[in-house]
Amino acid sequence: MPTMLRPVRVPGTGEKLIQELAGSASTGHDGVSVARMTAPAGWDEPGQRPEFDEVTYVLAGHLVVEHEDGQIDVGAGECVLTRAGEWVRYSVGPGGAEYLAVCAPAFTPERAHRDE
């Protein structure tokens, strides 16, 4: 029987709102997570070398994905894939951003391996 999923707020970096729809925090799924992110103007987070692939689809605004060879600017309607083991750092521009993140295996803070 299908199950209606309700978002669960999970802690993030700074003022970013993370609403996980499926994943280890909300549904107990370990293989994949789906979350909606709302990041305010100027938000950024530490770099990370995650154990998961991440597909990020920008709904509104502008996301910057830094990587070891430069950066990728991702606007509304665009999508980017980062692979497990690659160093990445996410930030947004002056208008903020709303985006969906799908991680496989599911996101956990321990799997993100953020620079601290």
PDB file of N, CA and C in Angstrom:
ATOM      1  N   MET A   1       0.845  -1.176   0.000  1.00  0.00           N
ATOM      2  CA  MET A   1       0.000   0.000   0.000  1.00  0.00           C
ATOM      3  C   MET A   1       0.897   1.247   0.000  1.00  0.00           C
ATOM      4  N   PRO A   2       0.622   2.197  -0.860  1.00  0.00           N
ATOM      5  CA  PRO A   2       1.403   3.424  -0.884  1.00  0.00           C
ATOM      6  C   PRO A   2       1.308   4.166   0.450  1.00  0.00           C
ATOM      7  N   THR A   3       2.354   4.906   0.748  1.00  0.00           N
ATOM      8  CA  THR A   3       2.415   5.671   1.989  1.00  0.00           C
ATOM      9  C   THR A   3       2.654   7.131   1.655  1.00  0.00           C
ATOM     10  N   MET A   4       1.822   8.010   2.185  1.00  0.00           N
ATOM     11  CA  MET A   4       2.033   9.445   2.020  1.00  0.00           C
ATOM     12  C   MET A   4       3.193   9.850   2.914  1.00  0.00           C
ATOM     13  N   LEU A   5       4.169  10.547   2.339  1.00  0.00           N
ATOM     14  CA  LEU A   5       5.334  10.968   3.109  1.00  0.00           C
ATOM     15  C   LEU A   5       5.178  12.407   3.560  1.00  0.00           C
ATOM     16  N   ARG A   6       5.543  12.661   4.782  1.00  0.00           N
ATOM     17  CA  ARG A   6       5.505  14.001   5.359  1.00  0.00           C
ATOM     18  C   ARG A   6       6.940  14.455   5.618  1.00  0.00           C
ATOM     19  N   PRO A   7       7.276  15.683   5.282  1.00  0.00           N
ATOM     20  CA  PRO A   7       8.647  16.135   5.501  1.00  0.00           C
ATOM     21  C   PRO A   7       9.008  16.196   6.982  1.00  0.00           C
ATOM     22  N   VAL A   8      10.258  15.841   7.270  1.00  0.00           N
ATOM     23  CA  VAL A   8      10.809  15.919   8.614  1.00  0.00           C
ATOM     24  C   VAL A   8      11.953  16.921   8.559  1.00  0.00           C
ATOM     25  N   ARG A   9      11.918  17.884   9.441  1.00  0.00           N
ATOM     26  CA  ARG A   9      13.009  18.866   9.476  1.00  0.00           C
ATOM     27  C   ARG A   9      14.237  18.224  10.107  1.00  0.00           C
ATOM     28  N   VAL A  10      15.356  18.331   9.409  1.00  0.00           N
ATOM     29  CA  VAL A  10      16.611  17.787   9.933  1.00  0.00           C
ATOM     30  C   VAL A  10      17.616  18.930  10.049  1.00  0.00           C
ATOM     31  N   PRO A  11      18.552  18.819  10.996  1.00  0.00           N
ATOM     32  CA  PRO A  11      19.508  19.909  11.184  1.00  0.00           C
ATOM     33  C   PRO A  11      20.417  20.095   9.987  1.00  0.00           C
ATOM     34  N   GLY A  12      20.722  21.337   9.712  1.00  0.00           N
ATOM     35  CA  GLY A  12      21.627  21.672   8.628  1.00  0.00           C
ATOM     36  C   GLY A  12      22.686  22.638   9.110  1.00  0.00           C
ATOM     37  N   THR A  13      23.405  23.207   8.173  1.00  0.00           N
ATOM     38  CA  THR A  13      24.441  24.177   8.475  1.00  0.00           C
ATOM     39  C   THR A  13      23.868  25.579   8.349  1.00  0.00           C
ATOM     40  N   GLY A  14      24.008  26.381   9.383  1.00  0.00           N
ATOM     41  CA  GLY A  14      23.514  27.752   9.339  1.00  0.00           C
ATOM     42  C   GLY A  14      22.001  27.809   9.289  1.00  0.00           C
ATOM     43  N   GLU A  15      21.490  28.742   8.500  1.00  0.00           N
ATOM     44  CA  GLU A  15      20.052  29.004   8.444  1.00  0.00           C
ATOM     45  C   GLU A  15      19.315  28.204   7.367  1.00  0.00           C
ATOM     46  N   LYS A  16      19.987  27.261   6.737  1.00  0.00           N
ATOM     47  CA  LYS A  16      19.328  26.468   5.683  1.00  0.00           C
ATOM     48  C   LYS A  16      18.278  25.555   6.303  1.00  0.00           C
ATOM     49  N   LEU A  17      17.084  25.525   5.704  1.00  0.00           N
ATOM     50  CA  LEU A  17      16.008  24.636   6.126  1.00  0.00           C
ATOM     51  C   LEU A  17      16.092  23.359   5.295  1.00  0.00           C
ATOM     52  N   ILE A  18      16.177  22.215   5.958  1.00  0.00           N
ATOM     53  CA  ILE A  18      16.204  20.920   5.282  1.00  0.00           C
ATOM     54  C   ILE A  18      14.957  20.156   5.677  1.00  0.00           C
ATOM     55  N   GLN A  19      14.151  19.788   4.678  1.00  0.00           N
ATOM     56  CA  GLN A  19      12.949  18.996   4.894  1.00  0.00           C
ATOM     57  C   GLN A  19      13.127  17.658   4.184  1.00  0.00           C
ATOM     58  N   GLU A  20      13.456  16.622   4.944  1.00  0.00           N
ATOM     59  CA  GLU A  20      13.668  15.309   4.354  1.00  0.00           C
ATOM     60  C   GLU A  20      12.331  14.613   4.153  1.00  0.00           C
ATOM     61  N   LEU A  21      12.085  14.181   2.933  1.00  0.00           N
ATOM     62  CA  LEU A  21      10.856  13.462   2.592  1.00  0.00           C
ATOM     63  C   LEU A  21      11.035  11.964   2.723  1.00  0.00           C
ATOM     64  N   ALA A  22      12.217  11.484   2.391  1.00  0.00           N
ATOM     65  CA  ALA A  22      12.544  10.064   2.514  1.00  0.00           C
ATOM     66  C   ALA A  22      14.022   9.976   2.840  1.00  0.00           C
ATOM     67  N   GLY A  23      14.369   9.041   3.698  1.00  0.00           N
ATOM     68  CA  GLY A  23      15.764   8.858   4.069  1.00  0.00           C
ATOM     69  C   GLY A  23      15.901   8.332   5.480  1.00  0.00           C
ATOM     70  N   SER A  24      17.117   8.324   5.966  1.00  0.00           N
ATOM     71  CA  SER A  24      17.362   7.696   7.264  1.00  0.00           C
ATOM     72  C   SER A  24      16.659   8.424   8.403  1.00  0.00           C
ATOM     73  N   ALA A  25      16.553   9.760   8.353  1.00  0.00           N
ATOM     74  CA  ALA A  25      15.927  10.507   9.444  1.00  0.00           C
ATOM     75  C   ALA A  25      14.400  10.433   9.409  1.00  0.00           C
ATOM     76  N   SER A  26      13.805  10.390   8.212  1.00  0.00           N
ATOM     77  CA  SER A  26      12.345  10.488   8.105  1.00  0.00           C
ATOM     78  C   SER A  26      11.636   9.150   7.959  1.00  0.00           C
ATOM     79  N   THR A  27      12.174   8.250   7.150  1.00  0.00           N
ATOM     80  CA  THR A  27      11.472   6.993   6.867  1.00  0.00           C
ATOM     81  C   THR A  27      12.305   5.756   7.202  1.00  0.00           C
ATOM     82  N   GLY A  28      13.555   5.968   7.610  1.00  0.00           N
ATOM     83  CA  GLY A  28      14.428   4.840   7.921  1.00  0.00           C
ATOM     84  C   GLY A  28      15.087   4.210   6.714  1.00  0.00           C
ATOM     85  N   HIS A  29      14.908   4.798   5.525  1.00  0.00           N
ATOM     86  CA  HIS A  29      15.534   4.251   4.319  1.00  0.00           C
ATOM     87  C   HIS A  29      17.030   4.540   4.330  1.00  0.00           C
ATOM     88  N   ASP A  30      17.836   3.551   4.023  1.00  0.00           N
ATOM     89  CA  ASP A  30      19.277   3.722   3.993  1.00  0.00           C
ATOM     90  C   ASP A  30      19.806   3.852   2.567  1.00  0.00           C
ATOM     91  N   GLY A  31      19.061   3.377   1.590  1.00  0.00           N
ATOM     92  CA  GLY A  31      19.551   3.337   0.215  1.00  0.00           C
ATOM     93  C   GLY A  31      19.455   4.653  -0.531  1.00  0.00           C
ATOM     94  N   VAL A  32      18.496   5.509  -0.148  1.00  0.00           N
ATOM     95  CA  VAL A  32      18.287   6.765  -0.858  1.00  0.00           C
ATOM     96  C   VAL A  32      17.639   7.773   0.093  1.00  0.00           C
ATOM     97  N   SER A  33      17.935   9.045  -0.139  1.00  0.00           N
ATOM     98  CA  SER A  33      17.227  10.102   0.584  1.00  0.00           C
ATOM     99  C   SER A  33      16.804  11.167  -0.412  1.00  0.00           C
ATOM    100  N   VAL A  34      15.671  11.828  -0.104  1.00  0.00           N
ATOM    101  CA  VAL A  34      15.144  12.922  -0.905  1.00  0.00           C
ATOM    102  C   VAL A  34      14.817  14.053   0.057  1.00  0.00           C
ATOM    103  N   ALA A  35      15.367  15.238  -0.213  1.00  0.00           N
ATOM    104  CA  ALA A  35      15.127  16.378   0.673  1.00  0.00           C
ATOM    105  C   ALA A  35      14.936  17.646  -0.128  1.00  0.00           C
ATOM    106  N   ARG A  36      14.127  18.537   0.423  1.00  0.00           N
ATOM    107  CA  ARG A  36      13.952  19.882  -0.143  1.00  0.00           C
ATOM    108  C   ARG A  36      14.727  20.850   0.738  1.00  0.00           C
ATOM    109  N   MET A  37      15.570  21.648   0.107  1.00  0.00           N
ATOM    110  CA  MET A  37      16.414  22.605   0.807  1.00  0.00           C
ATOM    111  C   MET A  37      15.957  24.027   0.488  1.00  0.00           C
ATOM    112  N   THR A  38      15.962  24.867   1.508  1.00  0.00           N
ATOM    113  CA  THR A  38      15.720  26.294   1.329  1.00  0.00           C
ATOM    114  C   THR A  38      16.874  27.018   2.000  1.00  0.00           C
ATOM    115  N   ALA A  39      17.721  27.647   1.190  1.00  0.00           N
ATOM    116  CA  ALA A  39      18.920  28.315   1.696  1.00  0.00           C
ATOM    117  C   ALA A  39      18.781  29.821   1.520  1.00  0.00           C
ATOM    118  N   PRO A  40      18.994  30.591   2.593  1.00  0.00           N
ATOM    119  CA  PRO A  40      18.866  32.042   2.488  1.00  0.00           C
ATOM    120  C   PRO A  40      20.043  32.670   1.745  1.00  0.00           C
ATOM    121  N   ALA A  41      19.888  33.898   1.346  1.00  0.00           N
ATOM    122  CA  ALA A  41      20.934  34.643   0.636  1.00  0.00           C
ATOM    123  C   ALA A  41      22.264  34.543   1.372  1.00  0.00           C
ATOM    124  N   GLY A  42      23.319  34.246   0.610  1.00  0.00           N
ATOM    125  CA  GLY A  42      24.664  34.200   1.172  1.00  0.00           C
ATOM    126  C   GLY A  42      25.022  32.956   1.950  1.00  0.00           C
ATOM    127  N   TRP A  43      24.121  31.976   2.047  1.00  0.00           N
ATOM    128  CA  TRP A  43      24.397  30.758   2.820  1.00  0.00           C
ATOM    129  C   TRP A  43      25.539  29.967   2.186  1.00  0.00           C
ATOM    130  N   ASP A  44      26.341  29.329   3.044  1.00  0.00           N
ATOM    131  CA  ASP A  44      27.335  28.368   2.566  1.00  0.00           C
ATOM    132  C   ASP A  44      27.554  27.327   3.649  1.00  0.00           C
ATOM    133  N   GLU A  45      28.235  26.269   3.290  1.00  0.00           N
ATOM    134  CA  GLU A  45      28.546  25.219   4.258  1.00  0.00           C
ATOM    135  C   GLU A  45      29.981  24.766   4.040  1.00  0.00           C
ATOM    136  N   PRO A  46      30.548  24.049   5.011  1.00  0.00           N
ATOM    137  CA  PRO A  46      31.908  23.535   4.824  1.00  0.00           C
ATOM    138  C   PRO A  46      31.964  22.554   3.658  1.00  0.00           C
ATOM    139  N   GLY A  47      33.149  22.398   3.093  1.00  0.00           N
ATOM    140  CA  GLY A  47      33.346  21.388   2.068  1.00  0.00           C
ATOM    141  C   GLY A  47      33.124  20.000   2.644  1.00  0.00           C
ATOM    142  N   GLN A  48      32.923  19.052   1.764  1.00  0.00           N
ATOM    143  CA  GLN A  48      32.696  17.669   2.192  1.00  0.00           C
ATOM    144  C   GLN A  48      33.207  16.705   1.136  1.00  0.00           C
ATOM    145  N   ARG A  49      33.495  15.502   1.572  1.00  0.00           N
ATOM    146  CA  ARG A  49      33.867  14.412   0.666  1.00  0.00           C
ATOM    147  C   ARG A  49      32.937  13.245   1.018  1.00  0.00           C
ATOM    148  N   PRO A  50      31.692  13.293   0.525  1.00  0.00           N
ATOM    149  CA  PRO A  50      30.667  12.341   0.965  1.00  0.00           C
ATOM    150  C   PRO A  50      30.848  10.923   0.435  1.00  0.00           C
ATOM    151  N   GLU A  51      30.185  10.014   1.115  1.00  0.00           N
ATOM    152  CA  GLU A  51      30.151   8.594   0.719  1.00  0.00           C
ATOM    153  C   GLU A  51      28.960   8.306  -0.185  1.00  0.00           C
ATOM    154  N   PHE A  52      28.267   9.331  -0.664  1.00  0.00           N
ATOM    155  CA  PHE A  52      27.067   9.139  -1.484  1.00  0.00           C
ATOM    156  C   PHE A  52      27.151   9.973  -2.758  1.00  0.00           C
ATOM    157  N   ASP A  53      26.492   9.493  -3.811  1.00  0.00           N
ATOM    158  CA  ASP A  53      26.241  10.311  -4.990  1.00  0.00           C
ATOM    159  C   ASP A  53      25.093  11.256  -4.637  1.00  0.00           C
ATOM    160  N   GLU A  54      25.117  12.460  -5.197  1.00  0.00           N
ATOM    161  CA  GLU A  54      24.034  13.415  -4.939  1.00  0.00           C
ATOM    162  C   GLU A  54      23.598  14.070  -6.236  1.00  0.00           C
ATOM    163  N   VAL A  55      22.303  13.998  -6.511  1.00  0.00           N
ATOM    164  CA  VAL A  55      21.690  14.693  -7.634  1.00  0.00           C
ATOM    165  C   VAL A  55      20.961  15.890  -7.039  1.00  0.00           C
ATOM    166  N   THR A  56      21.307  17.088  -7.517  1.00  0.00           N
ATOM    167  CA  THR A  56      20.718  18.313  -6.984  1.00  0.00           C
ATOM    168  C   THR A  56      20.016  19.056  -8.112  1.00  0.00           C
ATOM    169  N   TYR A  57      18.716  19.305  -7.917  1.00  0.00           N
ATOM    170  CA  TYR A  57      17.890  20.008  -8.900  1.00  0.00           C
ATOM    171  C   TYR A  57      17.458  21.337  -8.292  1.00  0.00           C
ATOM    172  N   VAL A  58      17.831  22.434  -8.919  1.00  0.00           N
ATOM    173  CA  VAL A  58      17.512  23.767  -8.402  1.00  0.00           C
ATOM    174  C   VAL A  58      16.120  24.180  -8.867  1.00  0.00           C
ATOM    175  N   LEU A  59      15.259  24.458  -7.884  1.00  0.00           N
ATOM    176  CA  LEU A  59      13.887  24.896  -8.167  1.00  0.00           C
ATOM    177  C   LEU A  59      13.824  26.404  -8.390  1.00  0.00           C
ATOM    178  N   ALA A  60      14.576  27.160  -7.586  1.00  0.00           N
ATOM    179  CA  ALA A  60      14.575  28.619  -7.669  1.00  0.00           C
ATOM    180  C   ALA A  60      15.909  29.137  -7.150  1.00  0.00           C
ATOM    181  N   GLY A  61      16.335  30.257  -7.676  1.00  0.00           N
ATOM    182  CA  GLY A  61      17.574  30.860  -7.211  1.00  0.00           C
ATOM    183  C   GLY A  61      18.790  30.299  -7.919  1.00  0.00           C
ATOM    184  N   HIS A  62      19.907  30.296  -7.180  1.00  0.00           N
ATOM    185  CA  HIS A  62      21.197  29.974  -7.781  1.00  0.00           C
ATOM    186  C   HIS A  62      22.063  29.252  -6.758  1.00  0.00           C
ATOM    187  N   LEU A  63      22.614  28.101  -7.142  1.00  0.00           N
ATOM    188  CA  LEU A  63      23.483  27.292  -6.293  1.00  0.00           C
ATOM    189  C   LEU A  63      24.873  27.254  -6.910  1.00  0.00           C
ATOM    190  N   VAL A  64      25.889  27.361  -6.073  1.00  0.00           N
ATOM    191  CA  VAL A  64      27.275  27.248  -6.527  1.00  0.00           C
ATOM    192  C   VAL A  64      27.842  25.960  -5.938  1.00  0.00           C
ATOM    193  N   VAL A  65      28.403  25.113  -6.795  1.00  0.00           N
ATOM    194  CA  VAL A  65      29.019  23.863  -6.362  1.00  0.00           C
ATOM    195  C   VAL A  65      30.512  23.956  -6.654  1.00  0.00           C
ATOM    196  N   GLU A  66      31.299  24.171  -5.610  1.00  0.00           N
ATOM    197  CA  GLU A  66      32.749  24.190  -5.765  1.00  0.00           C
ATOM    198  C   GLU A  66      33.253  22.756  -5.746  1.00  0.00           C
ATOM    199  N   HIS A  67      34.310  22.505  -6.539  1.00  0.00           N
ATOM    200  CA  HIS A  67      34.939  21.191  -6.566  1.00  0.00           C
ATOM    201  C   HIS A  67      36.435  21.397  -6.733  1.00  0.00           C
ATOM    202  N   GLU A  68      37.195  20.334  -6.702  1.00  0.00           N
ATOM    203  CA  GLU A  68      38.654  20.454  -6.710  1.00  0.00           C
ATOM    204  C   GLU A  68      39.209  21.115  -7.968  1.00  0.00           C
ATOM    205  N   ASP A  69      38.454  21.123  -9.063  1.00  0.00           N
ATOM    206  CA  ASP A  69      38.932  21.723 -10.311  1.00  0.00           C
ATOM    207  C   ASP A  69      38.270  23.054 -10.645  1.00  0.00           C
ATOM    208  N   GLY A  70      37.432  23.599  -9.750  1.00  0.00           N
ATOM    209  CA  GLY A  70      36.769  24.867 -10.035  1.00  0.00           C
ATOM    210  C   GLY A  70      35.405  24.942  -9.393  1.00  0.00           C
ATOM    211  N   GLN A  71      34.429  25.444 -10.150  1.00  0.00           N
ATOM    212  CA  GLN A  71      33.065  25.518  -9.639  1.00  0.00           C
ATOM    213  C   GLN A  71      32.065  25.417 -10.770  1.00  0.00           C
ATOM    214  N   ILE A  72      30.847  25.013 -10.414  1.00  0.00           N
ATOM    215  CA  ILE A  72      29.729  24.930 -11.347  1.00  0.00           C
ATOM    216  C   ILE A  72      28.618  25.810 -10.785  1.00  0.00           C
ATOM    217  N   ASP A  73      28.075  26.696 -11.604  1.00  0.00           N
ATOM    218  CA  ASP A  73      26.944  27.525 -11.230  1.00  0.00           C
ATOM    219  C   ASP A  73      25.682  26.847 -11.743  1.00  0.00           C
ATOM    220  N   VAL A  74      24.728  26.621 -10.850  1.00  0.00           N
ATOM    221  CA  VAL A  74      23.518  25.881 -11.188  1.00  0.00           C
ATOM    222  C   VAL A  74      22.311  26.788 -10.936  1.00  0.00           C
ATOM    223  N   GLY A  75      21.578  27.096 -11.986  1.00  0.00           N
ATOM    224  CA  GLY A  75      20.418  27.974 -11.875  1.00  0.00           C
ATOM    225  C   GLY A  75      19.118  27.204 -11.843  1.00  0.00           C
ATOM    226  N   ALA A  76      18.030  27.923 -11.663  1.00  0.00           N
ATOM    227  CA  ALA A  76      16.698  27.322 -11.617  1.00  0.00           C
ATOM    228  C   ALA A  76      16.447  26.498 -12.873  1.00  0.00           C
ATOM    229  N   GLY A  77      15.944  25.281 -12.685  1.00  0.00           N
ATOM    230  CA  GLY A  77      15.665  24.380 -13.798  1.00  0.00           C
ATOM    231  C   GLY A  77      16.857  23.549 -14.215  1.00  0.00           C
ATOM    232  N   GLU A  78      18.004  23.730 -13.557  1.00  0.00           N
ATOM    233  CA  GLU A  78      19.198  22.955 -13.887  1.00  0.00           C
ATOM    234  C   GLU A  78      19.495  21.940 -12.793  1.00  0.00           C
ATOM    235  N   CYS A  79      20.300  20.951 -13.167  1.00  0.00           N
ATOM    236  CA  CYS A  79      20.566  19.824 -12.284  1.00  0.00           C
ATOM    237  C   CYS A  79      22.049  19.482 -12.350  1.00  0.00           C
ATOM    238  N   VAL A  80      22.616  19.052 -11.215  1.00  0.00           N
ATOM    239  CA  VAL A  80      24.025  18.676 -11.161  1.00  0.00           C
ATOM    240  C   VAL A  80      24.160  17.360 -10.400  1.00  0.00           C
ATOM    241  N   LEU A  81      25.126  16.550 -10.814  1.00  0.00           N
ATOM    242  CA  LEU A  81      25.440  15.282 -10.150  1.00  0.00           C
ATOM    243  C   LEU A  81      26.838  15.384  -9.560  1.00  0.00           C
ATOM    244  N   THR A  82      26.962  15.106  -8.267  1.00  0.00           N
ATOM    245  CA  THR A  82      28.276  14.959  -7.647  1.00  0.00           C
ATOM    246  C   THR A  82      28.403  13.508  -7.210  1.00  0.00           C
ATOM    247  N   ARG A  83      29.620  12.985  -7.301  1.00  0.00           N
ATOM    248  CA  ARG A  83      29.835  11.557  -7.045  1.00  0.00           C
ATOM    249  C   ARG A  83      30.512  11.316  -5.704  1.00  0.00           C
ATOM    250  N   ALA A  84      30.209  10.183  -5.122  1.00  0.00           N
ATOM    251  CA  ALA A  84      30.830   9.776  -3.856  1.00  0.00           C
ATOM    252  C   ALA A  84      32.343   9.873  -3.978  1.00  0.00           C
ATOM    253  N   GLY A  85      32.973  10.381  -2.928  1.00  0.00           N
ATOM    254  CA  GLY A  85      34.423  10.481  -2.884  1.00  0.00           C
ATOM    255  C   GLY A  85      34.983  11.774  -3.444  1.00  0.00           C
ATOM    256  N   GLU A  86      34.171  12.560  -4.173  1.00  0.00           N
ATOM    257  CA  GLU A  86      34.617  13.857  -4.694  1.00  0.00           C
ATOM    258  C   GLU A  86      34.450  14.919  -3.610  1.00  0.00           C
ATOM    259  N   TRP A  87      35.425  15.842  -3.520  1.00  0.00           N
ATOM    260  CA  TRP A  87      35.281  16.973  -2.602  1.00  0.00           C
ATOM    261  C   TRP A  87      34.382  18.009  -3.257  1.00  0.00           C
ATOM    262  N   VAL A  88      33.364  18.484  -2.513  1.00  0.00           N
ATOM    263  CA  VAL A  88      32.455  19.525  -2.993  1.00  0.00           C
ATOM    264  C   VAL A  88      32.125  20.475  -1.845  1.00  0.00           C
ATOM    265  N   ARG A  89      31.730  21.672  -2.219  1.00  0.00           N
ATOM    266  CA  ARG A  89      31.260  22.668  -1.248  1.00  0.00           C
ATOM    267  C   ARG A  89      30.112  23.430  -1.887  1.00  0.00           C
ATOM    268  N   TYR A  90      28.984  23.516  -1.167  1.00  0.00           N
ATOM    269  CA  TYR A  90      27.794  24.180  -1.677  1.00  0.00           C
ATOM    270  C   TYR A  90      27.638  25.563  -1.056  1.00  0.00           C
ATOM    271  N   SER A  91      27.174  26.518  -1.877  1.00  0.00           N
ATOM    272  CA  SER A  91      26.823  27.849  -1.393  1.00  0.00           C
ATOM    273  C   SER A  91      25.778  28.431  -2.336  1.00  0.00           C
ATOM    274  N   VAL A  92      25.158  29.539  -1.912  1.00  0.00           N
ATOM    275  CA  VAL A  92      24.156  30.202  -2.755  1.00  0.00           C
ATOM    276  C   VAL A  92      24.514  31.671  -2.901  1.00  0.00           C
ATOM    277  N   GLY A  93      23.939  32.298  -3.906  1.00  0.00           N
ATOM    278  CA  GLY A  93      24.191  33.698  -4.179  1.00  0.00           C
ATOM    279  C   GLY A  93      23.320  34.615  -3.342  1.00  0.00           C
ATOM    280  N   PRO A  94      23.276  35.882  -3.732  1.00  0.00           N
ATOM    281  CA  PRO A  94      22.558  36.882  -2.941  1.00  0.00           C
ATOM    282  C   PRO A  94      21.046  36.696  -2.916  1.00  0.00           C
ATOM    283  N   GLY A  95      20.501  35.907  -3.837  1.00  0.00           N
ATOM    284  CA  GLY A  95      19.059  35.668  -3.847  1.00  0.00           C
ATOM    285  C   GLY A  95      18.629  34.395  -3.137  1.00  0.00           C
ATOM    286  N   GLY A  96      19.590  33.624  -2.591  1.00  0.00           N
ATOM    287  CA  GLY A  96      19.253  32.351  -1.962  1.00  0.00           C
ATOM    288  C   GLY A  96      18.895  31.306  -3.008  1.00  0.00           C
ATOM    289  N   ALA A  97      18.405  30.161  -2.545  1.00  0.00           N
ATOM    290  CA  ALA A  97      18.031  29.089  -3.470  1.00  0.00           C
ATOM    291  C   ALA A  97      17.096  28.092  -2.791  1.00  0.00           C
ATOM    292  N   GLU A  98      16.259  27.467  -3.611  1.00  0.00           N
ATOM    293  CA  GLU A  98      15.459  26.316  -3.204  1.00  0.00           C
ATOM    294  C   GLU A  98      15.832  25.185  -4.140  1.00  0.00           C
ATOM    295  N   TYR A  99      16.089  23.999  -3.571  1.00  0.00           N
ATOM    296  CA  TYR A  99      16.509  22.888  -4.414  1.00  0.00           C
ATOM    297  C   TYR A  99      16.164  21.561  -3.783  1.00  0.00           C
ATOM    298  N   LEU A 100      16.139  20.528  -4.627  1.00  0.00           N
ATOM    299  CA  LEU A 100      15.914  19.157  -4.188  1.00  0.00           C
ATOM    300  C   LEU A 100      17.234  18.413  -4.250  1.00  0.00           C
ATOM    301  N   ALA A 101      17.494  17.596  -3.241  1.00  0.00           N
ATOM    302  CA  ALA A 101      18.701  16.774  -3.216  1.00  0.00           C
ATOM    303  C   ALA A 101      18.296  15.319  -3.051  1.00  0.00           C
ATOM    304  N   VAL A 102      18.807  14.477  -3.940  1.00  0.00           N
ATOM    305  CA  VAL A 102      18.584  13.032  -3.877  1.00  0.00           C
ATOM    306  C   VAL A 102      19.953  12.395  -3.680  1.00  0.00           C
ATOM    307  N   CYS A 103      20.129  11.664  -2.581  1.00  0.00           N
ATOM    308  CA  CYS A 103      21.416  11.053  -2.246  1.00  0.00           C
ATOM    309  C   CYS A 103      21.287   9.537  -2.202  1.00  0.00           C
ATOM    310  N   ALA A 104      22.301   8.843  -2.769  1.00  0.00           N
ATOM    311  CA  ALA A 104      22.333   7.381  -2.741  1.00  0.00           C
ATOM    312  C   ALA A 104      23.760   6.933  -2.449  1.00  0.00           C
ATOM    313  N   PRO A 105      23.984   6.203  -1.345  1.00  0.00           N
ATOM    314  CA  PRO A 105      23.003   5.866  -0.319  1.00  0.00           C
ATOM    315  C   PRO A 105      22.513   7.112   0.405  1.00  0.00           C
ATOM    316  N   ALA A 106      21.562   6.944   1.293  1.00  0.00           N
ATOM    317  CA  ALA A 106      20.917   8.058   1.969  1.00  0.00           C
ATOM    318  C   ALA A 106      21.910   8.944   2.704  1.00  0.00           C
ATOM    319  N   PHE A 107      21.610  10.244   2.710  1.00  0.00           N
ATOM    320  CA  PHE A 107      22.412  11.207   3.463  1.00  0.00           C
ATOM    321  C   PHE A 107      22.361  10.895   4.953  1.00  0.00           C
ATOM    322  N   THR A 108      23.493  10.963   5.590  1.00  0.00           N
ATOM    323  CA  THR A 108      23.614  11.066   7.042  1.00  0.00           C
ATOM    324  C   THR A 108      24.780  12.019   7.288  1.00  0.00           C
ATOM    325  N   PRO A 109      24.792  12.731   8.408  1.00  0.00           N
ATOM    326  CA  PRO A 109      25.928  13.616   8.692  1.00  0.00           C
ATOM    327  C   PRO A 109      27.260  12.864   8.695  1.00  0.00           C
ATOM    328  N   GLU A 110      27.252  11.638   9.171  1.00  0.00           N
ATOM    329  CA  GLU A 110      28.476  10.844   9.209  1.00  0.00           C
ATOM    330  C   GLU A 110      28.990  10.513   7.808  1.00  0.00           C
ATOM    331  N   ARG A 111      28.102  10.279   6.875  1.00  0.00           N
ATOM    332  CA  ARG A 111      28.497   9.966   5.494  1.00  0.00           C
ATOM    333  C   ARG A 111      28.941  11.192   4.709  1.00  0.00           C
ATOM    334  N   ALA A 112      28.624  12.390   5.198  1.00  0.00           N
ATOM    335  CA  ALA A 112      28.986  13.612   4.471  1.00  0.00           C
ATOM    336  C   ALA A 112      30.478  13.928   4.594  1.00  0.00           C
ATOM    337  N   HIS A 113      31.088  13.580   5.717  1.00  0.00           N
ATOM    338  CA  HIS A 113      32.508  13.866   5.950  1.00  0.00           C
ATOM    339  C   HIS A 113      32.832  15.341   5.668  1.00  0.00           C
ATOM    340  N   ARG A 114      32.121  16.231   6.379  1.00  0.00           N
ATOM    341  CA  ARG A 114      32.325  17.671   6.199  1.00  0.00           C
ATOM    342  C   ARG A 114      33.647  18.116   6.795  1.00  0.00           C
ATOM    343  N   ASP A 115      34.274  19.102   6.135  1.00  0.00           N
ATOM    344  CA  ASP A 115      35.479  19.736   6.661  1.00  0.00           C
ATOM    345  C   ASP A 115      35.069  20.511   7.912  1.00  0.00           C
ATOM    346  N   GLU A 116      35.780  20.365   8.953  1.00  0.00           N
ATOM    347  CA  GLU A 116      35.431  21.107  10.174  1.00  0.00           C
ATOM    348  C   GLU A 116      36.582  21.917  10.658  1.00  0.00           C
TER     349      GLU A 116
END
